[in-house]
Amino acid sequence: MTLKKDKQKVLGEVFDDERIKTFLDFEAPEGENPDFHLLEKAYRGMKVENFDTFLGFFTEAGHDINAKNPNGNTLLVIISEHRHGDEYVDALKKHGAV
């Protein structure tokens, strides 16, 4: 299996709800929006079905799905430009990203 530059794959890892929720605990580097950091970590580390589940937990916890990176871009804007990002874009929009 070839890894795509725009999407890393996590192979052989089980993502139950408890594992998915652990992605809410990552700390952002200084200068980065904490909510954007969580979204990006989940996007890079999860298959789309797990990412969709994560987004439910993320929004339930009161996090900002439209958080921006230091360049002023939301994750929706960024992955809209990724060749294989369509399903992730759909998941973000389903959970309120604009």
PDB file of N, CA and C in Angstrom:
ATOM      1  N   MET A   1       0.837  -1.174   0.000  1.00  0.00           N
ATOM      2  CA  MET A   1       0.000   0.000   0.000  1.00  0.00           C
ATOM      3  C   MET A   1       0.884   1.240   0.000  1.00  0.00           C
ATOM      4  N   THR A   2       0.609   2.170  -0.884  1.00  0.00           N
ATOM      5  CA  THR A   2       1.357   3.403  -0.972  1.00  0.00           C
ATOM      6  C   THR A   2       0.681   4.465  -0.119  1.00  0.00           C
ATOM      7  N   LEU A   3       1.474   5.167   0.682  1.00  0.00           N
ATOM      8  CA  LEU A   3       0.929   6.255   1.485  1.00  0.00           C
ATOM      9  C   LEU A   3       0.849   7.503   0.627  1.00  0.00           C
ATOM     10  N   LYS A   4      -0.267   8.200   0.736  1.00  0.00           N
ATOM     11  CA  LYS A   4      -0.432   9.442   0.004  1.00  0.00           C
ATOM     12  C   LYS A   4       0.184  10.567   0.814  1.00  0.00           C
ATOM     13  N   LYS A   5       0.767  11.546   0.131  1.00  0.00           N
ATOM     14  CA  LYS A   5       1.386  12.661   0.824  1.00  0.00           C
ATOM     15  C   LYS A   5       0.384  13.431   1.667  1.00  0.00           C
ATOM     16  N   ASP A   6      -0.866  13.531   1.215  1.00  0.00           N
ATOM     17  CA  ASP A   6      -1.837  14.364   1.917  1.00  0.00           C
ATOM     18  C   ASP A   6      -2.621  13.614   2.983  1.00  0.00           C
ATOM     19  N   LYS A   7      -2.372  12.345   3.174  1.00  0.00           N
ATOM     20  CA  LYS A   7      -3.145  11.587   4.162  1.00  0.00           C
ATOM     21  C   LYS A   7      -2.340  10.409   4.643  1.00  0.00           C
ATOM     22  N   GLN A   8      -1.885  10.458   5.878  1.00  0.00           N
ATOM     23  CA  GLN A   8      -1.178   9.329   6.450  1.00  0.00           C
ATOM     24  C   GLN A   8      -2.192   8.279   6.866  1.00  0.00           C
ATOM     25  N   LYS A   9      -1.844   7.040   6.746  1.00  0.00           N
ATOM     26  CA  LYS A   9      -2.716   5.937   7.151  1.00  0.00           C
ATOM     27  C   LYS A   9      -2.178   5.308   8.423  1.00  0.00           C
ATOM     28  N   VAL A  10      -3.084   4.988   9.317  1.00  0.00           N
ATOM     29  CA  VAL A  10      -2.724   4.276  10.529  1.00  0.00           C
ATOM     30  C   VAL A  10      -3.165   2.842  10.314  1.00  0.00           C
ATOM     31  N   LEU A  11      -2.201   1.941  10.271  1.00  0.00           N
ATOM     32  CA  LEU A  11      -2.497   0.560   9.944  1.00  0.00           C
ATOM     33  C   LEU A  11      -2.483  -0.312  11.185  1.00  0.00           C
ATOM     34  N   GLY A  12      -3.461  -1.206  11.299  1.00  0.00           N
ATOM     35  CA  GLY A  12      -3.482  -2.187  12.355  1.00  0.00           C
ATOM     36  C   GLY A  12      -3.869  -1.656  13.728  1.00  0.00           C
ATOM     37  N   GLU A  13      -4.332  -0.428  13.809  1.00  0.00           N
ATOM     38  CA  GLU A  13      -4.703   0.147  15.096  1.00  0.00           C
ATOM     39  C   GLU A  13      -6.222   0.104  15.243  1.00  0.00           C
ATOM     40  N   VAL A  14      -6.689  -0.340  16.399  1.00  0.00           N
ATOM     41  CA  VAL A  14      -8.126  -0.426  16.658  1.00  0.00           C
ATOM     42  C   VAL A  14      -8.609   0.916  17.193  1.00  0.00           C
ATOM     43  N   PHE A  15      -9.648   1.445  16.585  1.00  0.00           N
ATOM     44  CA  PHE A  15     -10.206   2.723  17.003  1.00  0.00           C
ATOM     45  C   PHE A  15     -11.623   2.509  17.533  1.00  0.00           C
ATOM     46  N   ASP A  16     -11.723   2.169  18.827  1.00  0.00           N
ATOM     47  CA  ASP A  16     -13.030   2.154  19.457  1.00  0.00           C
ATOM     48  C   ASP A  16     -13.298   3.570  19.982  1.00  0.00           C
ATOM     49  N   ASP A  17     -14.474   3.801  20.565  1.00  0.00           N
ATOM     50  CA  ASP A  17     -14.822   5.146  21.017  1.00  0.00           C
ATOM     51  C   ASP A  17     -13.819   5.697  22.030  1.00  0.00           C
ATOM     52  N   GLU A  18     -13.359   4.853  22.920  1.00  0.00           N
ATOM     53  CA  GLU A  18     -12.398   5.330  23.932  1.00  0.00           C
ATOM     54  C   GLU A  18     -11.091   5.772  23.288  1.00  0.00           C
ATOM     55  N   ARG A  19     -10.611   5.021  22.320  1.00  0.00           N
ATOM     56  CA  ARG A  19      -9.377   5.396  21.603  1.00  0.00           C
ATOM     57  C   ARG A  19      -9.591   6.699  20.841  1.00  0.00           C
ATOM     58  N   ILE A  20     -10.739   6.823  20.195  1.00  0.00           N
ATOM     59  CA  ILE A  20     -11.048   8.036  19.436  1.00  0.00           C
ATOM     60  C   ILE A  20     -11.068   9.254  20.368  1.00  0.00           C
ATOM     61  N   LYS A  21     -11.631   9.102  21.554  1.00  0.00           N
ATOM     62  CA  LYS A  21     -11.718  10.213  22.508  1.00  0.00           C
ATOM     63  C   LYS A  21     -10.343  10.672  22.993  1.00  0.00           C
ATOM     64  N   THR A  22      -9.342   9.793  22.926  1.00  0.00           N
ATOM     65  CA  THR A  22      -8.011  10.203  23.373  1.00  0.00           C
ATOM     66  C   THR A  22      -7.453  11.331  22.503  1.00  0.00           C
ATOM     67  N   PHE A  23      -7.964  11.474  21.298  1.00  0.00           N
ATOM     68  CA  PHE A  23      -7.511  12.548  20.418  1.00  0.00           C
ATOM     69  C   PHE A  23      -7.979  13.921  20.908  1.00  0.00           C
ATOM     70  N   LEU A  24      -8.885  13.949  21.872  1.00  0.00           N
ATOM     71  CA  LEU A  24      -9.318  15.215  22.470  1.00  0.00           C
ATOM     72  C   LEU A  24      -8.319  15.717  23.503  1.00  0.00           C
ATOM     73  N   ASP A  25      -7.333  14.897  23.845  1.00  0.00           N
ATOM     74  CA  ASP A  25      -6.399  15.216  24.924  1.00  0.00           C
ATOM     75  C   ASP A  25      -5.051  15.756  24.454  1.00  0.00           C
ATOM     76  N   PHE A  26      -4.831  15.838  23.158  1.00  0.00           N
ATOM     77  CA  PHE A  26      -3.534  16.323  22.669  1.00  0.00           C
ATOM     78  C   PHE A  26      -3.369  17.809  22.963  1.00  0.00           C
ATOM     79  N   GLU A  27      -2.162  18.191  23.362  1.00  0.00           N
ATOM     80  CA  GLU A  27      -1.869  19.602  23.615  1.00  0.00           C
ATOM     81  C   GLU A  27      -1.255  20.223  22.368  1.00  0.00           C
ATOM     82  N   ALA A  28      -1.705  21.424  22.082  1.00  0.00           N
ATOM     83  CA  ALA A  28      -1.211  22.138  20.904  1.00  0.00           C
ATOM     84  C   ALA A  28       0.133  22.786  21.191  1.00  0.00           C
ATOM     85  N   PRO A  29       0.978  22.866  20.173  1.00  0.00           N
ATOM     86  CA  PRO A  29       2.220  23.618  20.328  1.00  0.00           C
ATOM     87  C   PRO A  29       1.900  25.099  20.568  1.00  0.00           C
ATOM     88  N   GLU A  30       2.808  25.782  21.181  1.00  0.00           N
ATOM     89  CA  GLU A  30       2.600  27.202  21.442  1.00  0.00           C
ATOM     90  C   GLU A  30       2.350  27.946  20.129  1.00  0.00           C
ATOM     91  N   GLY A  31       1.357  28.814  20.150  1.00  0.00           N
ATOM     92  CA  GLY A  31       1.040  29.610  18.968  1.00  0.00           C
ATOM     93  C   GLY A  31       0.029  28.967  18.037  1.00  0.00           C
ATOM     94  N   GLU A  32      -0.374  27.748  18.327  1.00  0.00           N
ATOM     95  CA  GLU A  32      -1.364  27.071  17.484  1.00  0.00           C
ATOM     96  C   GLU A  32      -2.686  26.966  18.236  1.00  0.00           C
ATOM     97  N   ASN A  33      -3.768  27.194  17.529  1.00  0.00           N
ATOM     98  CA  ASN A  33      -5.094  27.085  18.112  1.00  0.00           C
ATOM     99  C   ASN A  33      -5.303  25.644  18.585  1.00  0.00           C
ATOM    100  N   PRO A  34      -5.636  25.452  19.872  1.00  0.00           N
ATOM    101  CA  PRO A  34      -5.800  24.086  20.395  1.00  0.00           C
ATOM    102  C   PRO A  34      -6.854  23.262  19.654  1.00  0.00           C
ATOM    103  N   ASP A  35      -7.964  23.890  19.268  1.00  0.00           N
ATOM    104  CA  ASP A  35      -9.005  23.144  18.558  1.00  0.00           C
ATOM    105  C   ASP A  35      -8.552  22.748  17.158  1.00  0.00           C
ATOM    106  N   PHE A  36      -7.862  23.651  16.466  1.00  0.00           N
ATOM    107  CA  PHE A  36      -7.333  23.302  15.149  1.00  0.00           C
ATOM    108  C   PHE A  36      -6.357  22.137  15.278  1.00  0.00           C
ATOM    109  N   HIS A  37      -5.509  22.186  16.288  1.00  0.00           N
ATOM    110  CA  HIS A  37      -4.527  21.124  16.494  1.00  0.00           C
ATOM    111  C   HIS A  37      -5.206  19.763  16.664  1.00  0.00           C
ATOM    112  N   LEU A  38      -6.265  19.722  17.466  1.00  0.00           N
ATOM    113  CA  LEU A  38      -6.990  18.459  17.669  1.00  0.00           C
ATOM    114  C   LEU A  38      -7.590  17.954  16.365  1.00  0.00           C
ATOM    115  N   LEU A  39      -8.201  18.856  15.616  1.00  0.00           N
ATOM    116  CA  LEU A  39      -8.793  18.460  14.335  1.00  0.00           C
ATOM    117  C   LEU A  39      -7.742  17.907  13.376  1.00  0.00           C
ATOM    118  N   GLU A  40      -6.621  18.591  13.291  1.00  0.00           N
ATOM    119  CA  GLU A  40      -5.575  18.152  12.368  1.00  0.00           C
ATOM    120  C   GLU A  40      -4.987  16.801  12.787  1.00  0.00           C
ATOM    121  N   LYS A  41      -4.765  16.612  14.083  1.00  0.00           N
ATOM    122  CA  LYS A  41      -4.244  15.322  14.571  1.00  0.00           C
ATOM    123  C   LYS A  41      -5.211  14.193  14.223  1.00  0.00           C
ATOM    124  N   ALA A  42      -6.495  14.428  14.438  1.00  0.00           N
ATOM    125  CA  ALA A  42      -7.486  13.399  14.134  1.00  0.00           C
ATOM    126  C   ALA A  42      -7.533  13.123  12.628  1.00  0.00           C
ATOM    127  N   TYR A  43      -7.509  14.165  11.827  1.00  0.00           N
ATOM    128  CA  TYR A  43      -7.534  13.994  10.370  1.00  0.00           C
ATOM    129  C   TYR A  43      -6.334  13.169   9.903  1.00  0.00           C
ATOM    130  N   ARG A  44      -5.177  13.473  10.418  1.00  0.00           N
ATOM    131  CA  ARG A  44      -3.965  12.775   9.981  1.00  0.00           C
ATOM    132  C   ARG A  44      -3.874  11.351  10.522  1.00  0.00           C
ATOM    133  N   GLY A  45      -4.579  11.068  11.600  1.00  0.00           N
ATOM    134  CA  GLY A  45      -4.429   9.773  12.239  1.00  0.00           C
ATOM    135  C   GLY A  45      -5.601   8.821  12.131  1.00  0.00           C
ATOM    136  N   MET A  46      -6.663   9.238  11.456  1.00  0.00           N
ATOM    137  CA  MET A  46      -7.864   8.392  11.430  1.00  0.00           C
ATOM    138  C   MET A  46      -8.406   8.165  10.027  1.00  0.00           C
ATOM    139  N   LYS A  47      -9.016   7.020   9.873  1.00  0.00           N
ATOM    140  CA  LYS A  47      -9.816   6.757   8.678  1.00  0.00           C
ATOM    141  C   LYS A  47     -11.073   7.604   8.784  1.00  0.00           C
ATOM    142  N   VAL A  48     -11.741   7.829   7.681  1.00  0.00           N
ATOM    143  CA  VAL A  48     -12.861   8.763   7.654  1.00  0.00           C
ATOM    144  C   VAL A  48     -13.982   8.387   8.628  1.00  0.00           C
ATOM    145  N   GLU A  49     -14.278   7.093   8.774  1.00  0.00           N
ATOM    146  CA  GLU A  49     -15.372   6.713   9.680  1.00  0.00           C
ATOM    147  C   GLU A  49     -15.025   7.026  11.137  1.00  0.00           C
ATOM    148  N   ASN A  50     -13.759   6.879  11.503  1.00  0.00           N
ATOM    149  CA  ASN A  50     -13.328   7.226  12.854  1.00  0.00           C
ATOM    150  C   ASN A  50     -13.287   8.741  13.031  1.00  0.00           C
ATOM    151  N   PHE A  51     -12.860   9.441  11.996  1.00  0.00           N
ATOM    152  CA  PHE A  51     -12.819  10.898  12.018  1.00  0.00           C
ATOM    153  C   PHE A  51     -14.226  11.459  12.222  1.00  0.00           C
ATOM    154  N   ASP A  52     -15.200  10.891  11.543  1.00  0.00           N
ATOM    155  CA  ASP A  52     -16.594  11.313  11.698  1.00  0.00           C
ATOM    156  C   ASP A  52     -17.056  11.125  13.149  1.00  0.00           C
ATOM    157  N   THR A  53     -16.719   9.996  13.738  1.00  0.00           N
ATOM    158  CA  THR A  53     -17.062   9.745  15.144  1.00  0.00           C
ATOM    159  C   THR A  53     -16.357  10.758  16.040  1.00  0.00           C
ATOM    160  N   PHE A  54     -15.077  11.003  15.782  1.00  0.00           N
ATOM    161  CA  PHE A  54     -14.321  11.994  16.543  1.00  0.00           C
ATOM    162  C   PHE A  54     -14.998  13.357  16.492  1.00  0.00           C
ATOM    163  N   LEU A  55     -15.438  13.763  15.316  1.00  0.00           N
ATOM    164  CA  LEU A  55     -16.055  15.079  15.170  1.00  0.00           C
ATOM    165  C   LEU A  55     -17.307  15.210  16.038  1.00  0.00           C
ATOM    166  N   GLY A  56     -18.055  14.118  16.198  1.00  0.00           N
ATOM    167  CA  GLY A  56     -19.195  14.137  17.104  1.00  0.00           C
ATOM    168  C   GLY A  56     -18.759  14.410  18.532  1.00  0.00           C
ATOM    169  N   PHE A  57     -17.742  13.701  18.997  1.00  0.00           N
ATOM    170  CA  PHE A  57     -17.217  13.917  20.351  1.00  0.00           C
ATOM    171  C   PHE A  57     -16.644  15.334  20.484  1.00  0.00           C
ATOM    172  N   PHE A  58     -15.955  15.791  19.460  1.00  0.00           N
ATOM    173  CA  PHE A  58     -15.305  17.102  19.435  1.00  0.00           C
ATOM    174  C   PHE A  58     -16.337  18.221  19.593  1.00  0.00           C
ATOM    175  N   THR A  59     -17.388  18.171  18.799  1.00  0.00           N
ATOM    176  CA  THR A  59     -18.402  19.225  18.877  1.00  0.00           C
ATOM    177  C   THR A  59     -19.234  19.113  20.156  1.00  0.00           C
ATOM    178  N   GLU A  60     -19.519  17.888  20.595  1.00  0.00           N
ATOM    179  CA  GLU A  60     -20.236  17.685  21.863  1.00  0.00           C
ATOM    180  C   GLU A  60     -19.495  18.319  23.027  1.00  0.00           C
ATOM    181  N   ALA A  61     -18.173  18.271  22.985  1.00  0.00           N
ATOM    182  CA  ALA A  61     -17.338  18.812  24.053  1.00  0.00           C
ATOM    183  C   ALA A  61     -17.190  20.335  23.954  1.00  0.00           C
ATOM    184  N   GLY A  62     -17.832  20.942  22.953  1.00  0.00           N
ATOM    185  CA  GLY A  62     -17.809  22.398  22.830  1.00  0.00           C
ATOM    186  C   GLY A  62     -16.622  22.968  22.079  1.00  0.00           C
ATOM    187  N   HIS A  63     -15.898  22.127  21.358  1.00  0.00           N
ATOM    188  CA  HIS A  63     -14.752  22.600  20.578  1.00  0.00           C
ATOM    189  C   HIS A  63     -15.225  23.270  19.289  1.00  0.00           C
ATOM    190  N   ASP A  64     -14.383  24.119  18.725  1.00  0.00           N
ATOM    191  CA  ASP A  64     -14.698  24.911  17.533  1.00  0.00           C
ATOM    192  C   ASP A  64     -14.265  24.183  16.266  1.00  0.00           C
ATOM    193  N   ILE A  65     -15.241  23.699  15.516  1.00  0.00           N
ATOM    194  CA  ILE A  65     -14.942  22.960  14.281  1.00  0.00           C
ATOM    195  C   ILE A  65     -14.411  23.892  13.183  1.00  0.00           C
ATOM    196  N   ASN A  66     -14.576  25.194  13.370  1.00  0.00           N
ATOM    197  CA  ASN A  66     -14.075  26.170  12.406  1.00  0.00           C
ATOM    198  C   ASN A  66     -12.816  26.881  12.907  1.00  0.00           C
ATOM    199  N   ALA A  67     -12.107  26.239  13.831  1.00  0.00           N
ATOM    200  CA  ALA A  67     -10.857  26.801  14.354  1.00  0.00           C
ATOM    201  C   ALA A  67      -9.855  26.964  13.211  1.00  0.00           C
ATOM    202  N   LYS A  68      -8.998  27.965  13.349  1.00  0.00           N
ATOM    203  CA  LYS A  68      -8.033  28.271  12.285  1.00  0.00           C
ATOM    204  C   LYS A  68      -6.597  28.014  12.730  1.00  0.00           C
ATOM    205  N   ASN A  69      -5.774  27.684  11.745  1.00  0.00           N
ATOM    206  CA  ASN A  69      -4.346  27.506  11.995  1.00  0.00           C
ATOM    207  C   ASN A  69      -3.682  28.880  12.029  1.00  0.00           C
ATOM    208  N   PRO A  70      -2.384  28.947  12.317  1.00  0.00           N
ATOM    209  CA  PRO A  70      -1.715  30.253  12.375  1.00  0.00           C
ATOM    210  C   PRO A  70      -1.779  31.062  11.071  1.00  0.00           C
ATOM    211  N   ASN A  71      -2.046  30.392   9.959  1.00  0.00           N
ATOM    212  CA  ASN A  71      -2.168  31.091   8.673  1.00  0.00           C
ATOM    213  C   ASN A  71      -3.590  31.564   8.396  1.00  0.00           C
ATOM    214  N   GLY A  72      -4.513  31.296   9.332  1.00  0.00           N
ATOM    215  CA  GLY A  72      -5.894  31.750   9.174  1.00  0.00           C
ATOM    216  C   GLY A  72      -6.783  30.806   8.393  1.00  0.00           C
ATOM    217  N   ASN A  73      -6.358  29.563   8.193  1.00  0.00           N
ATOM    218  CA  ASN A  73      -7.147  28.589   7.438  1.00  0.00           C
ATOM    219  C   ASN A  73      -7.808  27.575   8.364  1.00  0.00           C
ATOM    220  N   THR A  74      -9.025  27.203   8.039  1.00  0.00           N
ATOM    221  CA  THR A  74      -9.689  26.119   8.760  1.00  0.00           C
ATOM    222  C   THR A  74      -9.238  24.793   8.160  1.00  0.00           C
ATOM    223  N   LEU A  75      -9.480  23.708   8.893  1.00  0.00           N
ATOM    224  CA  LEU A  75      -9.141  22.389   8.353  1.00  0.00           C
ATOM    225  C   LEU A  75      -9.969  22.109   7.104  1.00  0.00           C
ATOM    226  N   LEU A  76     -11.206  22.570   7.084  1.00  0.00           N
ATOM    227  CA  LEU A  76     -12.063  22.379   5.905  1.00  0.00           C
ATOM    228  C   LEU A  76     -11.408  22.983   4.662  1.00  0.00           C
ATOM    229  N   VAL A  77     -10.910  24.193   4.774  1.00  0.00           N
ATOM    230  CA  VAL A  77     -10.246  24.851   3.642  1.00  0.00           C
ATOM    231  C   VAL A  77      -9.018  24.052   3.202  1.00  0.00           C
ATOM    232  N   ILE A  78      -8.236  23.625   4.169  1.00  0.00           N
ATOM    233  CA  ILE A  78      -6.990  22.909   3.862  1.00  0.00           C
ATOM    234  C   ILE A  78      -7.257  21.583   3.169  1.00  0.00           C
ATOM    235  N   ILE A  79      -8.142  20.766   3.746  1.00  0.00           N
ATOM    236  CA  ILE A  79      -8.325  19.442   3.139  1.00  0.00           C
ATOM    237  C   ILE A  79      -9.216  19.471   1.906  1.00  0.00           C
ATOM    238  N   SER A  80      -9.902  20.582   1.680  1.00  0.00           N
ATOM    239  CA  SER A  80     -10.653  20.726   0.428  1.00  0.00           C
ATOM    240  C   SER A  80      -9.711  20.691  -0.765  1.00  0.00           C
ATOM    241  N   GLU A  81      -8.455  21.035  -0.529  1.00  0.00           N
ATOM    242  CA  GLU A  81      -7.450  21.045  -1.592  1.00  0.00           C
ATOM    243  C   GLU A  81      -6.722  19.705  -1.719  1.00  0.00           C
ATOM    244  N   HIS A  82      -6.969  18.776  -0.794  1.00  0.00           N
ATOM    245  CA  HIS A  82      -6.306  17.467  -0.856  1.00  0.00           C
ATOM    246  C   HIS A  82      -7.022  16.573  -1.856  1.00  0.00           C
ATOM    247  N   ARG A  83      -6.254  15.876  -2.604  1.00  0.00           N
ATOM    248  CA  ARG A  83      -6.778  15.023  -3.671  1.00  0.00           C
ATOM    249  C   ARG A  83      -7.774  13.991  -3.164  1.00  0.00           C
ATOM    250  N   HIS A  84      -7.545  13.458  -1.974  1.00  0.00           N
ATOM    251  CA  HIS A  84      -8.417  12.412  -1.438  1.00  0.00           C
ATOM    252  C   HIS A  84      -9.156  12.872  -0.188  1.00  0.00           C
ATOM    253  N   GLY A  85      -9.438  14.164  -0.105  1.00  0.00           N
ATOM    254  CA  GLY A  85     -10.052  14.711   1.096  1.00  0.00           C
ATOM    255  C   GLY A  85     -11.566  14.815   1.086  1.00  0.00           C
ATOM    256  N   ASP A  86     -12.220  14.426  -0.011  1.00  0.00           N
ATOM    257  CA  ASP A  86     -13.661  14.659  -0.150  1.00  0.00           C
ATOM    258  C   ASP A  86     -14.500  14.091   0.989  1.00  0.00           C
ATOM    259  N   GLU A  87     -14.225  12.866   1.402  1.00  0.00           N
ATOM    260  CA  GLU A  87     -15.026  12.252   2.466  1.00  0.00           C
ATOM    261  C   GLU A  87     -14.796  12.959   3.801  1.00  0.00           C
ATOM    262  N   TYR A  88     -13.595  13.436   4.015  1.00  0.00           N
ATOM    263  CA  TYR A  88     -13.286  14.181   5.239  1.00  0.00           C
ATOM    264  C   TYR A  88     -13.970  15.547   5.218  1.00  0.00           C
ATOM    265  N   VAL A  89     -13.997  16.179   4.054  1.00  0.00           N
ATOM    266  CA  VAL A  89     -14.713  17.443   3.884  1.00  0.00           C
ATOM    267  C   VAL A  89     -16.191  17.231   4.203  1.00  0.00           C
ATOM    268  N   ASP A  90     -16.767  16.162   3.666  1.00  0.00           N
ATOM    269  CA  ASP A  90     -18.183  15.861   3.931  1.00  0.00           C
ATOM    270  C   ASP A  90     -18.439  15.666   5.425  1.00  0.00           C
ATOM    271  N   ALA A  91     -17.534  14.963   6.108  1.00  0.00           N
ATOM    272  CA  ALA A  91     -17.690  14.739   7.551  1.00  0.00           C
ATOM    273  C   ALA A  91     -17.625  16.063   8.303  1.00  0.00           C
ATOM    274  N   LEU A  92     -16.687  16.921   7.950  1.00  0.00           N
ATOM    275  CA  LEU A  92     -16.584  18.219   8.604  1.00  0.00           C
ATOM    276  C   LEU A  92     -17.852  19.041   8.399  1.00  0.00           C
ATOM    277  N   LYS A  93     -18.347  19.077   7.171  1.00  0.00           N
ATOM    278  CA  LYS A  93     -19.574  19.837   6.890  1.00  0.00           C
ATOM    279  C   LYS A  93     -20.764  19.267   7.639  1.00  0.00           C
ATOM    280  N   LYS A  94     -20.849  17.963   7.730  1.00  0.00           N
ATOM    281  CA  LYS A  94     -21.933  17.303   8.462  1.00  0.00           C
ATOM    282  C   LYS A  94     -21.974  17.763   9.912  1.00  0.00           C
ATOM    283  N   HIS A  95     -20.808  18.070  10.462  1.00  0.00           N
ATOM    284  CA  HIS A  95     -20.715  18.481  11.864  1.00  0.00           C
ATOM    285  C   HIS A  95     -20.641  19.994  12.034  1.00  0.00           C
ATOM    286  N   GLY A  96     -20.942  20.736  10.958  1.00  0.00           N
ATOM    287  CA  GLY A  96     -21.083  22.189  11.079  1.00  0.00           C
ATOM    288  C   GLY A  96     -19.955  23.043  10.565  1.00  0.00           C
ATOM    289  N   ALA A  97     -18.946  22.459   9.942  1.00  0.00           N
ATOM    290  CA  ALA A  97     -17.850  23.261   9.393  1.00  0.00           C
ATOM    291  C   ALA A  97     -18.338  24.068   8.201  1.00  0.00           C
ATOM    292  N   VAL A  98     -17.858  25.297   8.116  1.00  0.00           N
ATOM    293  CA  VAL A  98     -18.224  26.153   6.984  1.00  0.00           C
ATOM    294  C   VAL A  98     -16.979  26.779   6.377  1.00  0.00           C
TER     295      VAL A  98
END
